Protein backbone atom coordinates (compact mmCIF):
# COMPACT_ATOMS: atom_id res chain seq x y z
CA MET A 1 112.26 117.65 137.18
CA ASN A 2 112.16 114.42 139.14
CA ASN A 3 112.96 111.18 137.40
CA PRO A 4 109.80 109.12 136.89
CA THR A 5 109.52 105.89 138.79
CA GLY A 6 108.71 102.56 137.17
CA THR A 7 109.03 101.65 133.52
CA LEU A 8 108.34 104.03 130.64
CA THR A 9 107.93 101.17 128.22
CA PRO A 10 104.24 100.87 127.33
CA LYS A 11 102.58 97.53 127.55
CA VAL A 12 102.02 95.99 124.13
CA ASP A 13 98.30 96.14 123.41
CA LEU A 14 97.59 92.91 121.54
CA ALA A 15 94.21 94.19 120.39
CA LYS A 16 96.03 97.05 118.66
CA VAL A 17 98.46 94.59 117.13
CA ASP A 18 95.49 92.80 115.60
CA ARG A 19 94.41 96.08 113.97
CA LEU A 20 97.81 97.26 112.71
CA PHE A 21 96.93 96.64 109.06
CA ASP A 22 93.15 96.83 109.35
CA ILE A 23 91.68 99.32 106.86
CA ALA A 24 88.08 98.09 106.98
CA GLY A 25 85.65 100.99 106.96
CA LEU A 26 88.13 103.60 105.75
CA ARG A 27 86.79 105.97 103.10
CA VAL A 28 89.39 106.23 100.34
CA PHE A 29 89.48 108.75 97.48
CA ILE A 30 91.67 107.59 94.57
CA PRO A 31 92.16 110.13 91.76
CA GLY A 32 93.76 108.39 88.79
CA GLY A 33 92.52 105.16 90.27
CA TYR A 34 91.81 103.17 87.11
CA GLY A 35 95.39 103.02 85.82
CA ALA A 36 97.47 99.90 86.48
CA LEU A 37 98.70 100.96 89.91
CA GLY A 38 95.50 102.73 90.88
CA GLU A 39 93.42 99.70 89.93
CA ALA A 40 95.56 97.39 92.07
CA ILE A 41 95.35 99.80 94.98
CA ALA A 42 91.59 100.28 94.63
CA LEU A 43 90.87 96.55 94.34
CA ALA A 44 93.20 95.64 97.20
CA MET A 45 91.87 98.27 99.60
CA ALA A 46 88.27 97.43 98.73
CA ARG A 47 89.00 93.74 99.26
CA LEU A 48 90.21 94.61 102.76
CA GLY A 49 87.00 96.46 103.55
CA ALA A 50 87.62 100.07 102.56
CA GLU A 51 85.04 102.13 100.68
CA ILE A 52 86.47 103.48 97.44
CA ALA A 53 85.77 106.54 95.30
CA VAL A 54 87.80 106.21 92.11
CA ALA A 55 88.02 109.24 89.84
CA GLY A 56 89.44 110.21 86.46
CA PRO A 57 88.55 111.90 83.17
CA ALA A 58 87.11 108.72 81.60
CA GLU A 59 83.79 108.20 83.34
CA ASP A 60 83.29 104.77 81.78
CA LYS A 61 86.60 103.48 83.17
CA ALA A 62 85.94 104.90 86.64
CA ARG A 63 82.48 103.38 86.75
CA ALA A 64 83.70 100.05 85.35
CA LEU A 65 86.27 99.69 88.13
CA ALA A 66 83.69 100.73 90.73
CA GLY A 67 81.34 98.15 89.27
CA GLN A 68 83.99 95.44 89.53
CA ILE A 69 84.43 96.27 93.22
CA LEU A 70 80.67 96.23 93.77
CA ASP A 71 80.38 92.87 91.99
CA ASN A 72 82.88 91.46 94.46
CA GLY A 73 80.92 92.67 97.48
CA GLY A 74 82.75 95.92 98.11
CA LYS A 75 81.68 99.56 98.28
CA ALA A 76 82.74 101.86 95.46
CA HIS A 77 81.86 104.91 93.42
CA GLY A 78 83.08 106.03 89.98
CA LEU A 79 83.54 109.79 89.57
CA VAL A 80 84.58 112.16 86.78
CA LEU A 81 87.64 114.31 87.43
CA ASP A 82 89.81 116.61 85.32
CA VAL A 83 92.87 117.20 87.48
CA ARG A 84 94.04 120.06 85.24
CA ASP A 85 91.01 122.06 86.41
CA VAL A 86 91.05 123.18 90.06
CA ALA A 87 87.28 123.67 90.02
CA SER A 88 86.88 120.04 88.92
CA ILE A 89 89.19 118.90 91.72
CA ARG A 90 87.11 120.73 94.29
CA SER A 91 83.75 119.58 92.96
CA CYS A 92 84.88 115.95 92.65
CA THR A 93 86.30 115.99 96.19
CA ASP A 94 83.01 117.42 97.45
CA GLU A 95 81.12 114.67 95.62
CA ALA A 96 83.32 111.99 97.18
CA VAL A 97 82.74 113.52 100.62
CA SER A 98 78.99 113.58 100.01
CA LEU A 99 78.85 109.97 98.80
CA MET A 100 81.05 108.49 101.53
CA GLY A 101 80.40 110.92 104.39
CA GLY A 102 84.03 112.05 104.40
CA ILE A 103 87.48 111.12 103.14
CA ASP A 104 89.80 109.31 105.51
CA VAL A 105 92.50 108.57 102.95
CA LEU A 106 93.61 110.30 99.76
CA VAL A 107 95.62 108.10 97.40
CA ASN A 108 96.78 110.33 94.55
CA CYS A 109 97.62 108.11 91.58
CA VAL A 110 97.61 110.91 89.00
CA GLY A 111 100.58 111.17 86.67
CA ILE A 112 101.65 111.42 83.03
CA GLN A 113 104.90 111.41 81.09
CA ARG A 114 105.54 113.23 77.83
CA GLU A 115 109.04 112.38 76.68
CA GLN A 116 110.92 115.20 74.98
CA ALA A 117 114.69 115.70 74.75
CA LEU A 118 115.95 118.83 76.49
CA MET A 119 116.40 120.82 73.30
CA GLU A 120 112.95 119.81 72.08
CA VAL A 121 110.85 120.55 75.20
CA THR A 122 107.90 122.80 74.41
CA GLU A 123 106.19 125.13 76.82
CA GLU A 124 102.84 123.49 76.13
CA THR A 125 104.09 120.00 76.97
CA PHE A 126 106.00 121.10 80.06
CA ASP A 127 102.90 122.94 81.33
CA GLU A 128 100.72 119.88 80.68
CA VAL A 129 103.00 117.63 82.74
CA TYR A 130 103.31 120.26 85.48
CA GLN A 131 99.55 120.78 85.72
CA THR A 132 98.85 117.04 85.81
CA ASN A 133 101.65 115.80 88.05
CA LEU A 134 102.33 118.64 90.48
CA LYS A 135 99.69 121.37 90.44
CA SER A 136 96.91 118.81 90.77
CA ALA A 137 98.60 117.28 93.83
CA MET A 138 98.65 120.67 95.49
CA PHE A 139 94.92 121.18 95.12
CA LEU A 140 93.91 117.56 95.70
CA GLY A 141 95.79 117.70 99.00
CA GLN A 142 94.19 121.03 99.86
CA SER A 143 90.66 119.94 98.98
CA VAL A 144 90.87 116.68 100.94
CA ALA A 145 92.53 118.44 103.88
CA ARG A 146 89.56 120.80 104.15
CA ASP A 147 87.28 117.85 104.82
CA GLN A 148 89.75 116.11 107.11
CA ILE A 149 90.40 119.23 109.20
CA ALA A 150 86.70 120.07 109.42
CA ARG A 151 85.86 116.61 110.79
CA GLY A 152 88.73 116.72 113.28
CA GLU A 153 89.48 112.99 113.04
CA GLY A 154 92.88 113.14 111.38
CA GLY A 155 93.53 111.41 108.08
CA ARG A 156 96.06 110.16 105.57
CA GLN A 157 97.28 111.54 102.27
CA ILE A 158 99.44 109.34 100.04
CA HIS A 159 100.97 110.42 96.73
CA LEU A 160 102.26 108.03 94.08
CA LEU A 161 105.71 109.20 93.01
CA SER A 162 108.51 107.53 91.05
CA VAL A 163 112.18 106.73 91.38
CA ARG A 164 112.49 109.67 88.97
CA SER A 165 111.78 111.92 91.93
CA GLN A 166 115.33 111.06 93.02
CA LEU A 167 117.12 109.73 89.94
CA ALA A 168 117.56 111.35 86.55
CA LEU A 169 117.65 109.13 83.47
CA ARG A 170 120.54 109.12 81.02
CA GLY A 171 119.81 109.35 77.33
CA ARG A 172 116.07 110.07 77.69
CA GLY A 173 113.92 113.21 77.63
CA TYR A 174 112.55 113.27 81.17
CA SER A 175 112.92 116.94 82.15
CA ALA A 176 109.26 117.63 82.87
CA TYR A 177 108.59 114.28 84.52
CA CYS A 178 111.61 114.33 86.82
CA ALA A 179 111.05 117.97 87.74
CA THR A 180 107.41 117.44 88.68
CA LYS A 181 107.97 114.20 90.58
CA GLY A 182 110.91 115.75 92.43
CA GLY A 183 108.78 118.78 93.24
CA LEU A 184 106.03 116.51 94.52
CA VAL A 185 108.43 115.08 97.12
CA MET A 186 108.91 118.53 98.63
CA LEU A 187 105.22 119.36 98.29
CA ALA A 188 104.39 116.23 100.30
CA LYS A 189 106.95 117.16 102.97
CA GLN A 190 105.56 120.69 103.27
CA HIS A 191 101.96 119.47 103.41
CA ALA A 192 103.03 116.98 106.07
CA MET A 193 104.38 119.79 108.23
CA GLU A 194 101.30 121.97 107.85
CA LEU A 195 98.84 119.13 108.45
CA ALA A 196 100.66 117.36 111.29
CA PRO A 197 98.93 119.48 113.98
CA TYR A 198 95.62 118.09 112.73
CA GLY A 199 96.72 114.46 112.93
CA ILE A 200 96.93 114.17 109.14
CA THR A 201 99.93 112.35 107.67
CA VAL A 202 101.30 112.93 104.17
CA ASN A 203 103.65 110.45 102.53
CA GLY A 204 104.83 109.23 99.15
CA VAL A 205 105.21 105.81 97.55
CA ALA A 206 107.74 105.80 94.71
CA PRO A 207 107.95 102.74 92.45
CA THR A 208 110.29 101.97 89.57
CA PHE A 209 109.05 100.14 86.47
CA ILE A 210 106.07 97.99 87.49
CA GLN A 211 104.31 95.36 85.34
CA SER A 212 101.62 97.11 83.31
CA ASP A 213 100.49 97.82 79.77
CA ARG A 214 101.96 101.29 80.25
CA ILE A 215 105.50 99.90 80.08
CA ARG A 216 104.72 97.23 77.47
CA PRO A 217 106.51 99.21 74.69
CA HIS A 218 109.68 99.18 76.81
CA LEU A 219 109.42 95.49 77.69
CA GLU A 220 108.95 94.58 74.02
CA LYS A 221 112.42 95.99 73.29
CA PRO A 222 114.78 93.22 74.47
CA ALA A 223 117.77 95.52 74.99
CA PHE A 224 115.80 97.96 77.15
CA ARG A 225 114.02 95.19 79.05
CA ASP A 226 117.34 93.53 79.80
CA LEU A 227 118.75 96.86 80.99
CA ILE A 228 115.83 97.35 83.41
CA VAL A 229 116.27 93.88 84.88
CA GLU A 230 120.07 94.05 84.97
CA ARG A 231 120.21 97.32 86.91
CA ASN A 232 117.66 96.09 89.45
CA PRO A 233 119.36 94.38 92.42
CA MET A 234 116.39 92.00 92.77
CA GLY A 235 116.62 91.14 89.08
CA ARG A 236 112.95 91.49 88.22
CA ILE A 237 110.13 93.92 87.47
CA GLY A 238 107.74 94.67 90.33
CA ASN A 239 104.09 93.68 90.67
CA PRO A 240 101.38 96.34 91.21
CA LEU A 241 100.30 94.63 94.44
CA GLU A 242 103.77 95.29 95.86
CA VAL A 243 103.03 99.00 95.50
CA ALA A 244 99.51 98.58 96.90
CA GLY A 245 100.95 96.91 99.99
CA GLN A 246 102.97 99.99 100.92
CA VAL A 247 99.98 102.26 100.31
CA ILE A 248 97.93 100.08 102.68
CA THR A 249 100.68 100.32 105.30
CA PHE A 250 100.57 104.12 105.17
CA ALA A 251 96.77 104.11 105.33
CA ALA A 252 96.53 101.68 108.24
CA ALA A 253 97.41 102.10 111.90
CA ALA A 254 100.86 100.71 111.11
CA GLY A 255 101.67 104.00 109.37
CA SER A 256 100.33 106.35 112.02
CA TYR A 257 103.73 107.78 113.08
CA MET A 258 105.20 108.25 109.60
CA THR A 259 104.77 111.57 107.83
CA GLY A 260 106.74 113.56 105.29
CA GLN A 261 108.42 110.37 104.06
CA VAL A 262 108.92 108.68 100.71
CA VAL A 263 109.24 104.90 100.45
CA TYR A 264 110.89 103.63 97.28
CA VAL A 265 109.34 100.39 96.04
CA ASP A 266 112.04 99.63 93.51
CA GLY A 267 113.87 96.38 94.20
CA GLY A 268 116.83 98.39 95.48
CA VAL A 269 117.39 100.65 92.46
CA THR A 270 117.70 103.90 94.42
CA ALA A 271 119.88 102.22 97.05
CA SER A 272 122.39 101.19 94.40
CA GLN A 273 122.53 104.24 92.12
């Protein structure tokens, strides 16, 4: 093979630079989207011009968040979804496709924790966490991929993980949570490999403790709050918008060549432990 002549370095397209973080017009499906992180992601993406379909088991909460987006000039839909039911996942995905004309981006914000010490873990609780955190991700990814493959325009799938996908926690009953979040890392990698030929990327965003009512009980215990801050190299608890920013990066053109990856939004916790 002859060596090519001239430079192989492409010319920087400044028009593409302008669009690196542009998500205007993207159709985004956000299961679990009315929790603290999901709400920040939904509001931020809508503010930047994306159309949002937020879904969860509480119809009033989903519709209230969609209404807030609409009141601020955005486009949004509130849908009912039971992620423990595969039929519900499929029907809700189909509804989102019908309402928006397709799904460009899946942002899976679904997740629960049921703390039980190892010797106290019940089959019922373990199955509940597994069905919610891991099984649902499998079939959400599959259902969205069917639309994305059929349209032939590529797409993005982003799963919200946790530092517990990499780090166990001493002195706490996190067996089910850690197992499912760790499993979700490998599920995302495998989905990334199977969907890459279709131009669909699959990635994870894994935060540590982030400011929310969900962690209020921990923050109200001075000893535990101090422990969280002390072990964090940045010395503070993160803001939901700091998680939303990484989701936006994966969804935008800036994330087009990243797939099968997990970004830890944790102030350096996983780098130091």
